[in-house]
Amino acid sequence: MWKPAGTYFFFLLAISLVSLPHASGGDVTAGIREANRFLSHLNAPPKMTTIIKITLKNGRTISGRADFGKGSPSDPMSYDEVAEKFRGCAAFAEWPSSKANQVIDMVRSLEDLSDVRTLTALLQ
């Protein structure tokens, strides 16, 4: 059963995949530790307003505002949304889609996994 806290696993994994070549020297575990360190220091205020203003080539301006970004505790992402975001990060890291889908499926049933090393082996 999917739990919102599981969102952080995908976030950690996505950070580690994107930062792998640069920050962790190819070590996925080190990348996840670094991402976890980032999250542990994240102390965002309860309301995080995002304002975006885009000026088009023709001079027209488009702007928008959101008080709570998608994925925040006030507007959480569903399992499928997080999985899709993970797929995008995995594709950016040039992972085969079959491997990303295996990770997603394994995380979906994490409570039933008899040995977490099965999952961590996929992350190498």
Protein backbone atom coordinates (compact mmCIF):
# COMPACT_ATOMS: atom_id res chain seq x y z
CA MET A 1 0.00 0.00 0.00
CA TRP A 2 1.37 3.40 -1.02
CA LYS A 3 2.01 5.87 1.79
CA PRO A 4 2.74 9.59 1.16
CA ALA A 5 6.01 9.30 3.10
CA GLY A 6 7.17 6.97 0.33
CA THR A 7 7.28 10.02 -1.92
CA TYR A 8 10.55 10.92 -0.27
CA PHE A 9 12.11 7.67 -1.44
CA PHE A 10 11.51 8.64 -5.05
CA PHE A 11 12.73 12.16 -4.33
CA LEU A 12 15.92 10.80 -2.77
CA LEU A 13 16.38 8.40 -5.63
CA ALA A 14 15.78 11.11 -8.23
CA ILE A 15 18.32 13.42 -6.60
CA SER A 16 20.87 10.63 -6.43
CA LEU A 17 20.34 9.69 -10.09
CA VAL A 18 20.73 13.26 -11.29
CA SER A 19 23.72 13.97 -9.06
CA LEU A 20 25.38 10.57 -9.48
CA PRO A 21 27.89 11.44 -12.17
CA HIS A 22 28.89 14.64 -10.40
CA ALA A 23 28.53 14.24 -6.64
CA SER A 24 28.86 10.60 -5.78
CA GLY A 25 31.41 9.24 -8.22
CA GLY A 26 28.91 6.66 -9.48
CA ASP A 27 27.98 5.34 -6.02
CA VAL A 28 24.16 5.26 -5.79
CA THR A 29 24.24 4.77 -2.02
CA ALA A 30 26.41 7.88 -1.61
CA GLY A 31 24.02 9.80 -3.83
CA ILE A 32 21.04 8.74 -1.70
CA ARG A 33 22.91 9.69 1.49
CA GLU A 34 23.66 13.12 0.02
CA ALA A 35 20.02 13.59 -0.98
CA ASN A 36 18.90 12.54 2.49
CA ARG A 37 21.32 15.07 4.01
CA PHE A 38 19.72 17.72 1.80
CA LEU A 39 16.22 16.78 2.95
CA SER A 40 17.17 16.71 6.62
CA HIS A 41 18.27 20.34 6.41
CA LEU A 42 15.22 21.46 4.47
CA ASN A 43 13.10 23.57 6.77
CA ALA A 44 10.54 25.19 4.54
CA PRO A 45 7.90 27.54 5.91
CA PRO A 46 4.32 26.21 5.98
CA LYS A 47 3.39 28.33 2.96
CA MET A 48 5.82 28.48 0.06
CA THR A 49 4.52 30.90 -2.53
CA THR A 50 5.86 30.41 -6.02
CA ILE A 51 5.54 33.27 -8.48
CA ILE A 52 6.55 32.86 -12.10
CA LYS A 53 6.64 35.49 -14.81
CA ILE A 54 7.49 34.60 -18.40
CA THR A 55 8.10 37.16 -21.11
CA LEU A 56 7.48 35.77 -24.59
CA LYS A 57 9.45 36.75 -27.68
CA ASN A 58 6.55 38.90 -28.83
CA GLY A 59 6.75 40.90 -25.57
CA ARG A 60 3.60 39.44 -24.01
CA THR A 61 3.95 38.47 -20.36
CA ILE A 62 2.37 35.44 -18.74
CA SER A 63 2.43 35.13 -14.97
CA GLY A 64 1.10 32.80 -12.35
CA ARG A 65 1.21 32.15 -8.65
CA ALA A 66 0.81 29.08 -6.46
CA ASP A 67 0.86 29.10 -2.69
CA PHE A 68 1.60 25.41 -2.44
CA GLY A 69 3.59 23.58 -5.08
CA LYS A 70 2.59 20.14 -6.29
CA GLY A 71 4.27 17.60 -4.06
CA SER A 72 4.16 19.78 -0.95
CA PRO A 73 2.35 18.45 2.12
CA SER A 74 -0.56 20.76 1.26
CA ASP A 75 -0.80 19.41 -2.30
CA PRO A 76 0.75 15.93 -2.23
CA MET A 77 1.51 13.93 -5.33
CA SER A 78 -0.15 10.60 -5.94
CA TYR A 79 1.95 7.46 -6.29
CA ASP A 80 1.47 7.56 -10.06
CA GLU A 81 2.57 11.22 -10.25
CA VAL A 82 5.70 10.50 -8.22
CA ALA A 83 6.41 7.41 -10.34
CA GLU A 84 6.09 9.47 -13.52
CA LYS A 85 8.46 12.08 -12.11
CA PHE A 86 10.90 9.31 -11.24
CA ARG A 87 10.66 7.96 -14.80
CA GLY A 88 11.63 11.40 -16.10
CA CYS A 89 14.62 11.61 -13.75
CA ALA A 90 15.67 8.07 -14.67
CA ALA A 91 15.44 8.89 -18.39
CA PHE A 92 17.58 12.00 -17.79
CA ALA A 93 20.14 9.74 -16.09
CA GLU A 94 19.93 7.47 -19.18
CA TRP A 95 18.50 4.51 -17.30
CA PRO A 96 16.60 1.96 -19.36
CA SER A 97 12.85 2.40 -18.85
CA SER A 98 12.56 -1.28 -17.91
CA LYS A 99 14.92 -0.71 -14.98
CA ALA A 100 13.03 2.37 -13.81
CA ASN A 101 9.75 0.45 -14.01
CA GLN A 102 11.23 -2.40 -11.97
CA VAL A 103 12.21 0.08 -9.23
CA ILE A 104 8.75 1.65 -9.29
CA ASP A 105 7.03 -1.73 -9.05
CA MET A 106 9.32 -2.83 -6.24
CA VAL A 107 8.73 0.36 -4.25
CA ARG A 108 4.99 0.02 -4.79
CA SER A 109 5.11 -3.26 -2.85
CA LEU A 110 8.02 -2.39 -0.56
CA GLU A 111 6.26 -3.83 2.50
CA ASP A 112 6.23 -7.23 0.80
CA LEU A 113 9.90 -7.17 -0.18
CA SER A 114 11.71 -9.91 1.71
CA ASP A 115 15.18 -8.40 1.23
CA VAL A 116 15.80 -4.73 0.48
CA ARG A 117 19.08 -5.70 -1.21
CA THR A 118 16.96 -6.76 -4.18
CA LEU A 119 15.97 -3.12 -4.57
CA THR A 120 19.40 -1.65 -3.86
CA ALA A 121 20.94 -4.01 -6.44
CA LEU A 122 18.71 -2.39 -9.07
CA LEU A 123 20.05 1.01 -8.07
CA GLN A 124 23.65 0.15 -8.92
